[in-house]
Amino acid sequence: MTTETLQHRAHEWLGRVVEDTATGRTGTLRAIAPDTDNPRPLAWLAPVGGGREWTTAPAALAEPAPDTAC
């Protein structure tokens, strides 16, 4: 499948740890894409170290910590 098929959207923070200000949780931003039941885009986050993925509104994302990868 292509990203167009999945309706994923580009976002500069993909793969970065961000805060979900709606819940206060932090996680890795995995995708900006609609859910199957709702066409509006959601932010898909996964907990650092593993666990159950969750969704939030993209507007609820707080700027990630600085990227320290070399």
C-alpha atoms as a PDB file:
ATOM      1  CA  MET A   1       0.000   0.000   0.000  1.00  0.00           C
ATOM      2  CA  THR A   2       1.089   3.546  -0.584  1.00  0.00           C
ATOM      3  CA  THR A   3       0.707   6.396   1.856  1.00  0.00           C
ATOM      4  CA  GLU A   4      -1.916   7.884  -0.454  1.00  0.00           C
ATOM      5  CA  THR A   5      -4.024   4.747  -0.021  1.00  0.00           C
ATOM      6  CA  LEU A   6      -3.763   5.017   3.752  1.00  0.00           C
ATOM      7  CA  GLN A   7      -4.375   8.795   3.626  1.00  0.00           C
ATOM      8  CA  HIS A   8      -1.323   9.438   5.802  1.00  0.00           C
ATOM      9  CA  ARG A   9      -0.118  12.997   6.040  1.00  0.00           C
ATOM     10  CA  ALA A  10       3.390  14.325   6.327  1.00  0.00           C
ATOM     11  CA  HIS A  11       4.400  15.843   9.668  1.00  0.00           C
ATOM     12  CA  GLU A  12       7.799  17.129  10.752  1.00  0.00           C
ATOM     13  CA  TRP A  13       7.560  15.342  14.133  1.00  0.00           C
ATOM     14  CA  LEU A  14       6.955  11.800  12.823  1.00  0.00           C
ATOM     15  CA  GLY A  15       9.173   9.402  14.740  1.00  0.00           C
ATOM     16  CA  ARG A  16       9.783  11.913  17.542  1.00  0.00           C
ATOM     17  CA  VAL A  17       8.620  11.738  21.155  1.00  0.00           C
ATOM     18  CA  VAL A  18       5.898  14.337  21.715  1.00  0.00           C
ATOM     19  CA  GLU A  19       3.439  15.220  24.459  1.00  0.00           C
ATOM     20  CA  ASP A  20      -0.286  14.665  24.040  1.00  0.00           C
ATOM     21  CA  THR A  21      -1.564  17.732  25.886  1.00  0.00           C
ATOM     22  CA  ALA A  22      -5.089  16.268  25.980  1.00  0.00           C
ATOM     23  CA  THR A  23      -3.953  13.405  28.217  1.00  0.00           C
ATOM     24  CA  GLY A  24      -0.549  14.508  29.544  1.00  0.00           C
ATOM     25  CA  ARG A  25       1.023  11.330  28.133  1.00  0.00           C
ATOM     26  CA  THR A  26       4.141  11.238  25.989  1.00  0.00           C
ATOM     27  CA  GLY A  27       4.720   8.930  23.074  1.00  0.00           C
ATOM     28  CA  THR A  28       6.312   8.518  19.675  1.00  0.00           C
ATOM     29  CA  LEU A  29       4.318  10.102  16.865  1.00  0.00           C
ATOM     30  CA  ARG A  30       3.727   7.212  14.468  1.00  0.00           C
ATOM     31  CA  ALA A  31       1.316   8.744  11.933  1.00  0.00           C
ATOM     32  CA  ILE A  32      -1.129  11.495  11.089  1.00  0.00           C
ATOM     33  CA  ALA A  33      -4.001   9.664   9.415  1.00  0.00           C
ATOM     34  CA  PRO A  34      -7.763   9.229   9.659  1.00  0.00           C
ATOM     35  CA  ASP A  35      -9.340   6.413  11.618  1.00  0.00           C
ATOM     36  CA  THR A  36     -11.467   3.987   9.628  1.00  0.00           C
ATOM     37  CA  ASP A  37     -14.691   5.378  11.111  1.00  0.00           C
ATOM     38  CA  ASN A  38     -13.847   9.070  10.863  1.00  0.00           C
ATOM     39  CA  PRO A  39     -12.261  10.907   7.908  1.00  0.00           C
ATOM     40  CA  ARG A  40     -10.663  13.657  10.032  1.00  0.00           C
ATOM     41  CA  PRO A  41      -6.949  13.119  10.642  1.00  0.00           C
ATOM     42  CA  LEU A  42      -5.764  11.902  14.023  1.00  0.00           C
ATOM     43  CA  ALA A  43      -2.300  11.723  15.548  1.00  0.00           C
ATOM     44  CA  TRP A  44      -1.326   8.105  16.281  1.00  0.00           C
ATOM     45  CA  LEU A  45       1.096   7.757  19.202  1.00  0.00           C
ATOM     46  CA  ALA A  46       2.874   4.780  20.747  1.00  0.00           C
ATOM     47  CA  PRO A  47       4.244   4.756  24.295  1.00  0.00           C
ATOM     48  CA  VAL A  48       8.025   4.913  24.598  1.00  0.00           C
ATOM     49  CA  GLY A  49       9.240   1.395  25.338  1.00  0.00           C
ATOM     50  CA  GLY A  50       6.129  -0.267  23.944  1.00  0.00           C
ATOM     51  CA  GLY A  51       2.487  -0.592  24.833  1.00  0.00           C
ATOM     52  CA  ARG A  52      -0.876   0.189  23.383  1.00  0.00           C
ATOM     53  CA  GLU A  53      -1.058   2.888  20.711  1.00  0.00           C
ATOM     54  CA  TRP A  54      -3.552   5.733  21.147  1.00  0.00           C
ATOM     55  CA  THR A  55      -4.926   8.618  19.099  1.00  0.00           C
ATOM     56  CA  THR A  56      -5.363  12.303  19.767  1.00  0.00           C
ATOM     57  CA  ALA A  57      -6.100  15.462  17.808  1.00  0.00           C
ATOM     58  CA  PRO A  58      -3.017  16.743  15.953  1.00  0.00           C
ATOM     59  CA  ALA A  59      -3.592  20.128  17.622  1.00  0.00           C
ATOM     60  CA  ALA A  60      -3.013  18.441  21.018  1.00  0.00           C
ATOM     61  CA  LEU A  61       0.618  17.650  20.177  1.00  0.00           C
ATOM     62  CA  ALA A  62       3.259  19.666  21.989  1.00  0.00           C
ATOM     63  CA  GLU A  63       6.639  20.373  20.460  1.00  0.00           C
ATOM     64  CA  PRO A  64       8.997  17.450  20.902  1.00  0.00           C
ATOM     65  CA  ALA A  65      12.224  17.444  22.847  1.00  0.00           C
ATOM     66  CA  PRO A  66      15.258  18.368  20.733  1.00  0.00           C
ATOM     67  CA  ASP A  67      16.381  15.660  18.326  1.00  0.00           C
ATOM     68  CA  THR A  68      19.753  14.464  19.576  1.00  0.00           C
ATOM     69  CA  ALA A  69      20.329  11.793  16.897  1.00  0.00           C
ATOM     70  CA  CYS A  70      23.686  12.128  15.155  1.00  0.00           C
END
